[in-house]
């Protein structure tokens, strides 16, 4: 969850930087602005990496939830035994 929140913050920062760079660029020479194009490529690569990591984190979270449900019955039985013995 913490990692997903960090990814969301990083994506928001990338979007903000990208919009700022685009708004500051000269419309007449926007296609020749190499720094802007490199910034766009970097943002694209970073966002794709973050998206892949988010998908992996979602799968991991789903697996954790499935395993939690498997052990919930065992925990319930253990709690019942504990209180029966006390």
Foldseek 3Di string as FASTA:
>chain_A
DVLLVVLVVVLVVLVVVLVVVVVPDDPVCPVVPPVNVVSVVVSVVSNVVSVVVVVVVVVVVVVVVVVCVVCPVVVVVVVVVVVVVD
